[in-house]
Amino acid sequence: MATEQETQFALHGCASRCLLWLANHKQGAVHMTKAEFIDRYCLDYPSACAKGQCGGTDTGTMLEIAKMLGLANRLQVYRSPSRVRSHIERHETDVILAITEKNDFIHCWIVVGQSKNPARWQFAEVDDSIQTIPPMTVRDSELDLWSAYFCVFFLVGA
């Protein structure tokens, strides 16, 4: 992994960092370093390093990498927190990523908790050292304010 790739990964790789963190914390996982992840997936998926943005991904690439990491076998996209919550309640997923996109800025968090009453979500960000930053709590009513650019990616476990 080149220094330039590492710098780009820190700036653009929030979704890739989330996938790497999830893979490393999966039961029975073999720990993968950031350098191993970059070397493996940037070579196999050039779109993950497109335009000098090492680690930046599109949804198709996210799903393919999630499949290879054993995190998901399909991907569903929702803007409705209640629909995502219903999948959680039916135990249909244990991996959820929250994506915000506004203009050309995209950011990714791992959903680490939720409650129905009161309706709240906890989002954790994965930093460049592949550690989670303490989660922030967001109410459903606040998500409504984000609705123009908020998407929840619901990864169905393998």
C-alpha atoms as a PDB file:
ATOM      1  CA  MET A   1       0.000   0.000   0.000  1.00  0.00           C
ATOM      2  CA  ALA A   2       1.456   3.322  -1.093  1.00  0.00           C
ATOM      3  CA  THR A   3       1.379   6.419   1.119  1.00  0.00           C
ATOM      4  CA  GLU A   4      -0.808   8.139  -1.486  1.00  0.00           C
ATOM      5  CA  GLN A   5      -3.324   5.278  -1.300  1.00  0.00           C
ATOM      6  CA  GLU A   6      -3.381   5.511   2.494  1.00  0.00           C
ATOM      7  CA  THR A   7      -4.050   9.266   2.356  1.00  0.00           C
ATOM      8  CA  GLN A   8      -6.855   8.783  -0.189  1.00  0.00           C
ATOM      9  CA  PHE A   9      -8.337   5.950   1.894  1.00  0.00           C
ATOM     10  CA  ALA A  10      -8.465   8.281   4.913  1.00  0.00           C
ATOM     11  CA  LEU A  11     -10.301  10.934   2.877  1.00  0.00           C
ATOM     12  CA  HIS A  12     -12.621   8.861   0.679  1.00  0.00           C
ATOM     13  CA  GLY A  13     -12.856   5.367   2.155  1.00  0.00           C
ATOM     14  CA  CYS A  14     -15.577   5.679   4.810  1.00  0.00           C
ATOM     15  CA  ALA A  15     -17.715   2.896   3.269  1.00  0.00           C
ATOM     16  CA  SER A  16     -14.666   0.677   2.769  1.00  0.00           C
ATOM     17  CA  ARG A  17     -13.569   1.334   6.373  1.00  0.00           C
ATOM     18  CA  CYS A  18     -17.048   0.323   7.583  1.00  0.00           C
ATOM     19  CA  LEU A  19     -16.914  -2.917   5.566  1.00  0.00           C
ATOM     20  CA  LEU A  20     -13.410  -3.671   6.864  1.00  0.00           C
ATOM     21  CA  TRP A  21     -14.485  -3.017  10.479  1.00  0.00           C
ATOM     22  CA  LEU A  22     -17.567  -5.240  10.066  1.00  0.00           C
ATOM     23  CA  ALA A  23     -15.485  -8.017   8.504  1.00  0.00           C
ATOM     24  CA  ASN A  24     -12.916  -7.867  11.301  1.00  0.00           C
ATOM     25  CA  HIS A  25     -15.652  -8.018  13.965  1.00  0.00           C
ATOM     26  CA  LYS A  26     -17.631 -10.844  12.394  1.00  0.00           C
ATOM     27  CA  GLN A  27     -17.677 -14.025  14.471  1.00  0.00           C
ATOM     28  CA  GLY A  28     -14.776 -16.280  13.486  1.00  0.00           C
ATOM     29  CA  ALA A  29     -13.173 -13.565  11.351  1.00  0.00           C
ATOM     30  CA  VAL A  30      -9.535 -13.584  10.384  1.00  0.00           C
ATOM     31  CA  HIS A  31      -8.281 -10.032  11.017  1.00  0.00           C
ATOM     32  CA  MET A  32      -7.447  -8.077   7.848  1.00  0.00           C
ATOM     33  CA  THR A  33      -5.298  -4.958   7.931  1.00  0.00           C
ATOM     34  CA  LYS A  34      -6.122  -1.770   6.081  1.00  0.00           C
ATOM     35  CA  ALA A  35      -3.162  -2.404   3.747  1.00  0.00           C
ATOM     36  CA  GLU A  36      -4.403  -5.935   2.966  1.00  0.00           C
ATOM     37  CA  PHE A  37      -7.896  -4.614   2.265  1.00  0.00           C
ATOM     38  CA  ILE A  38      -6.576  -1.911  -0.082  1.00  0.00           C
ATOM     39  CA  ASP A  39      -4.242  -4.301  -1.894  1.00  0.00           C
ATOM     40  CA  ARG A  40      -6.947  -6.924  -2.347  1.00  0.00           C
ATOM     41  CA  TYR A  41      -9.955  -4.796  -3.294  1.00  0.00           C
ATOM     42  CA  CYS A  42      -8.360  -1.929  -5.160  1.00  0.00           C
ATOM     43  CA  LEU A  43      -6.794  -4.447  -7.527  1.00  0.00           C
ATOM     44  CA  ASP A  44      -9.975  -6.480  -7.990  1.00  0.00           C
ATOM     45  CA  TYR A  45     -12.334  -3.489  -8.106  1.00  0.00           C
ATOM     46  CA  PRO A  46     -10.781  -0.530  -9.892  1.00  0.00           C
ATOM     47  CA  SER A  47     -13.893   1.564  -9.167  1.00  0.00           C
ATOM     48  CA  ALA A  48     -12.878   1.404  -5.505  1.00  0.00           C
ATOM     49  CA  CYS A  49      -9.834   3.488  -6.435  1.00  0.00           C
ATOM     50  CA  ALA A  50     -11.366   5.507  -9.244  1.00  0.00           C
ATOM     51  CA  LYS A  51     -10.390   9.133  -9.752  1.00  0.00           C
ATOM     52  CA  GLY A  52      -7.623   9.052  -7.158  1.00  0.00           C
ATOM     53  CA  GLN A  53     -10.079   8.181  -4.388  1.00  0.00           C
ATOM     54  CA  CYS A  54      -8.713   4.956  -2.933  1.00  0.00           C
ATOM     55  CA  GLY A  55     -11.455   3.250  -0.941  1.00  0.00           C
ATOM     56  CA  GLY A  56     -14.267   5.291  -2.499  1.00  0.00           C
ATOM     57  CA  THR A  57     -16.995   2.926  -3.696  1.00  0.00           C
ATOM     58  CA  ASP A  58     -20.293   2.826  -5.490  1.00  0.00           C
ATOM     59  CA  THR A  59     -23.146   0.622  -4.250  1.00  0.00           C
ATOM     60  CA  GLY A  60     -22.401  -2.203  -6.692  1.00  0.00           C
ATOM     61  CA  THR A  61     -18.796  -2.372  -5.533  1.00  0.00           C
ATOM     62  CA  MET A  62     -19.883  -2.186  -1.879  1.00  0.00           C
ATOM     63  CA  LEU A  63     -22.114  -5.210  -2.384  1.00  0.00           C
ATOM     64  CA  GLU A  64     -19.444  -7.219  -4.208  1.00  0.00           C
ATOM     65  CA  ILE A  65     -16.897  -6.495  -1.485  1.00  0.00           C
ATOM     66  CA  ALA A  66     -19.497  -7.289   1.221  1.00  0.00           C
ATOM     67  CA  LYS A  67     -20.177 -10.631  -0.503  1.00  0.00           C
ATOM     68  CA  MET A  68     -16.467 -11.477  -0.696  1.00  0.00           C
ATOM     69  CA  LEU A  69     -16.092 -10.609   2.997  1.00  0.00           C
ATOM     70  CA  GLY A  70     -19.037 -12.862   3.878  1.00  0.00           C
ATOM     71  CA  LEU A  71     -21.119  -9.932   5.168  1.00  0.00           C
ATOM     72  CA  ALA A  72     -24.032 -10.017   2.737  1.00  0.00           C
ATOM     73  CA  ASN A  73     -25.613 -11.851  -0.137  1.00  0.00           C
ATOM     74  CA  ARG A  74     -27.845  -8.994  -1.299  1.00  0.00           C
ATOM     75  CA  LEU A  75     -28.446  -5.322  -0.733  1.00  0.00           C
ATOM     76  CA  GLN A  76     -31.641  -3.384  -0.169  1.00  0.00           C
ATOM     77  CA  VAL A  77     -31.890   0.403  -0.175  1.00  0.00           C
ATOM     78  CA  TYR A  78     -34.437   2.255   1.943  1.00  0.00           C
ATOM     79  CA  ARG A  79     -35.124   5.857   2.817  1.00  0.00           C
ATOM     80  CA  SER A  80     -37.728   4.906   5.426  1.00  0.00           C
ATOM     81  CA  PRO A  81     -36.370   4.238   8.936  1.00  0.00           C
ATOM     82  CA  SER A  82     -39.544   2.302   9.806  1.00  0.00           C
ATOM     83  CA  ARG A  83     -38.986  -0.181   6.961  1.00  0.00           C
ATOM     84  CA  VAL A  84     -35.427  -0.814   8.100  1.00  0.00           C
ATOM     85  CA  ARG A  85     -36.605  -1.196  11.698  1.00  0.00           C
ATOM     86  CA  SER A  86     -39.169  -3.820  10.609  1.00  0.00           C
ATOM     87  CA  HIS A  87     -36.374  -5.922   9.038  1.00  0.00           C
ATOM     88  CA  ILE A  88     -34.409  -5.684  12.286  1.00  0.00           C
ATOM     89  CA  GLU A  89     -37.429  -6.767  14.321  1.00  0.00           C
ATOM     90  CA  ARG A  90     -37.905  -9.809  12.066  1.00  0.00           C
ATOM     91  CA  HIS A  91     -34.189 -10.666  12.495  1.00  0.00           C
ATOM     92  CA  GLU A  92     -33.617 -10.421   8.742  1.00  0.00           C
ATOM     93  CA  THR A  93     -30.370  -8.517   9.040  1.00  0.00           C
ATOM     94  CA  ASP A  94     -27.615  -7.741  11.459  1.00  0.00           C
ATOM     95  CA  VAL A  95     -25.592  -5.456   9.187  1.00  0.00           C
ATOM     96  CA  ILE A  96     -26.873  -1.993   8.375  1.00  0.00           C
ATOM     97  CA  LEU A  97     -24.983   0.924   6.891  1.00  0.00           C
ATOM     98  CA  ALA A  98     -26.359   4.443   6.847  1.00  0.00           C
ATOM     99  CA  ILE A  99     -25.276   6.555   3.884  1.00  0.00           C
ATOM    100  CA  THR A 100     -25.776  10.268   3.496  1.00  0.00           C
ATOM    101  CA  GLU A 101     -25.290  11.949   0.167  1.00  0.00           C
ATOM    102  CA  LYS A 102     -25.643  15.626  -0.572  1.00  0.00           C
ATOM    103  CA  ASN A 103     -24.193  17.291  -3.634  1.00  0.00           C
ATOM    104  CA  ASP A 104     -21.032  15.251  -4.243  1.00  0.00           C
ATOM    105  CA  PHE A 105     -20.345  14.516  -0.583  1.00  0.00           C
ATOM    106  CA  ILE A 106     -21.058  10.949   0.537  1.00  0.00           C
ATOM    107  CA  HIS A 107     -20.532   9.595   4.040  1.00  0.00           C
ATOM    108  CA  CYS A 108     -21.091   6.184   5.619  1.00  0.00           C
ATOM    109  CA  TRP A 109     -21.793   5.021   9.170  1.00  0.00           C
ATOM    110  CA  ILE A 110     -22.516   1.658  10.761  1.00  0.00           C
ATOM    111  CA  VAL A 111     -25.875   1.453  12.502  1.00  0.00           C
ATOM    112  CA  VAL A 112     -24.938   0.089  15.924  1.00  0.00           C
ATOM    113  CA  GLY A 113     -28.253   0.486  17.703  1.00  0.00           C
ATOM    114  CA  GLN A 114     -31.853   1.548  17.398  1.00  0.00           C
ATOM    115  CA  SER A 115     -34.920   1.852  19.537  1.00  0.00           C
ATOM    116  CA  LYS A 116     -38.554   2.060  18.584  1.00  0.00           C
ATOM    117  CA  ASN A 117     -39.842   4.018  21.566  1.00  0.00           C
ATOM    118  CA  PRO A 118     -38.430   6.591  21.566  1.00  0.00           C
ATOM    119  CA  ALA A 119     -37.572   6.256  17.877  1.00  0.00           C
ATOM    120  CA  ARG A 120     -33.806   6.686  17.759  1.00  0.00           C
ATOM    121  CA  TRP A 121     -30.780   5.363  15.898  1.00  0.00           C
ATOM    122  CA  GLN A 122     -27.134   5.135  16.884  1.00  0.00           C
ATOM    123  CA  PHE A 123     -24.565   5.668  14.122  1.00  0.00           C
ATOM    124  CA  ALA A 124     -20.873   4.874  14.612  1.00  0.00           C
ATOM    125  CA  GLU A 125     -18.215   6.182  12.292  1.00  0.00           C
ATOM    126  CA  VAL A 126     -15.083   4.145  11.539  1.00  0.00           C
ATOM    127  CA  ASP A 127     -11.922   6.237  11.664  1.00  0.00           C
ATOM    128  CA  ASP A 128      -8.734   5.798   9.678  1.00  0.00           C
ATOM    129  CA  SER A 129      -7.262   3.437  12.283  1.00  0.00           C
ATOM    130  CA  ILE A 130     -10.341   1.191  11.666  1.00  0.00           C
ATOM    131  CA  GLN A 131     -11.739   1.875  15.140  1.00  0.00           C
ATOM    132  CA  THR A 132     -15.262   3.083  15.818  1.00  0.00           C
ATOM    133  CA  ILE A 133     -15.751   6.601  17.079  1.00  0.00           C
ATOM    134  CA  PRO A 134     -18.329   6.828  19.904  1.00  0.00           C
ATOM    135  CA  PRO A 135     -21.771   6.689  18.296  1.00  0.00           C
ATOM    136  CA  MET A 136     -24.054   9.636  17.790  1.00  0.00           C
ATOM    137  CA  THR A 137     -27.755   9.294  18.528  1.00  0.00           C
ATOM    138  CA  VAL A 138     -30.272  10.583  15.988  1.00  0.00           C
ATOM    139  CA  ARG A 139     -34.060  10.702  16.388  1.00  0.00           C
ATOM    140  CA  ASP A 140     -36.331   9.552  13.546  1.00  0.00           C
ATOM    141  CA  SER A 141     -37.671  13.105  13.322  1.00  0.00           C
ATOM    142  CA  GLU A 142     -34.115  14.314  12.608  1.00  0.00           C
ATOM    143  CA  LEU A 143     -33.745  11.683   9.880  1.00  0.00           C
ATOM    144  CA  ASP A 144     -36.785  13.208   8.215  1.00  0.00           C
ATOM    145  CA  LEU A 145     -34.766  16.411   7.871  1.00  0.00           C
ATOM    146  CA  TRP A 146     -32.078  14.386   6.090  1.00  0.00           C
ATOM    147  CA  SER A 147     -34.567  12.620   3.802  1.00  0.00           C
ATOM    148  CA  ALA A 148     -33.565  14.536   0.677  1.00  0.00           C
ATOM    149  CA  TYR A 149     -30.134  12.944   0.854  1.00  0.00           C
ATOM    150  CA  PHE A 150     -30.361  10.108   3.378  1.00  0.00           C
ATOM    151  CA  CYS A 151     -30.252   6.489   2.326  1.00  0.00           C
ATOM    152  CA  VAL A 152     -30.026   3.372   4.440  1.00  0.00           C
ATOM    153  CA  PHE A 153     -28.255   0.405   2.927  1.00  0.00           C
ATOM    154  CA  PHE A 154     -29.542  -2.776   4.442  1.00  0.00           C
ATOM    155  CA  LEU A 155     -27.131  -5.672   3.904  1.00  0.00           C
ATOM    156  CA  VAL A 156     -28.733  -9.083   4.243  1.00  0.00           C
ATOM    157  CA  GLY A 157     -26.415 -11.484   6.016  1.00  0.00           C
ATOM    158  CA  ALA A 158     -24.892 -14.379   4.127  1.00  0.00           C
END
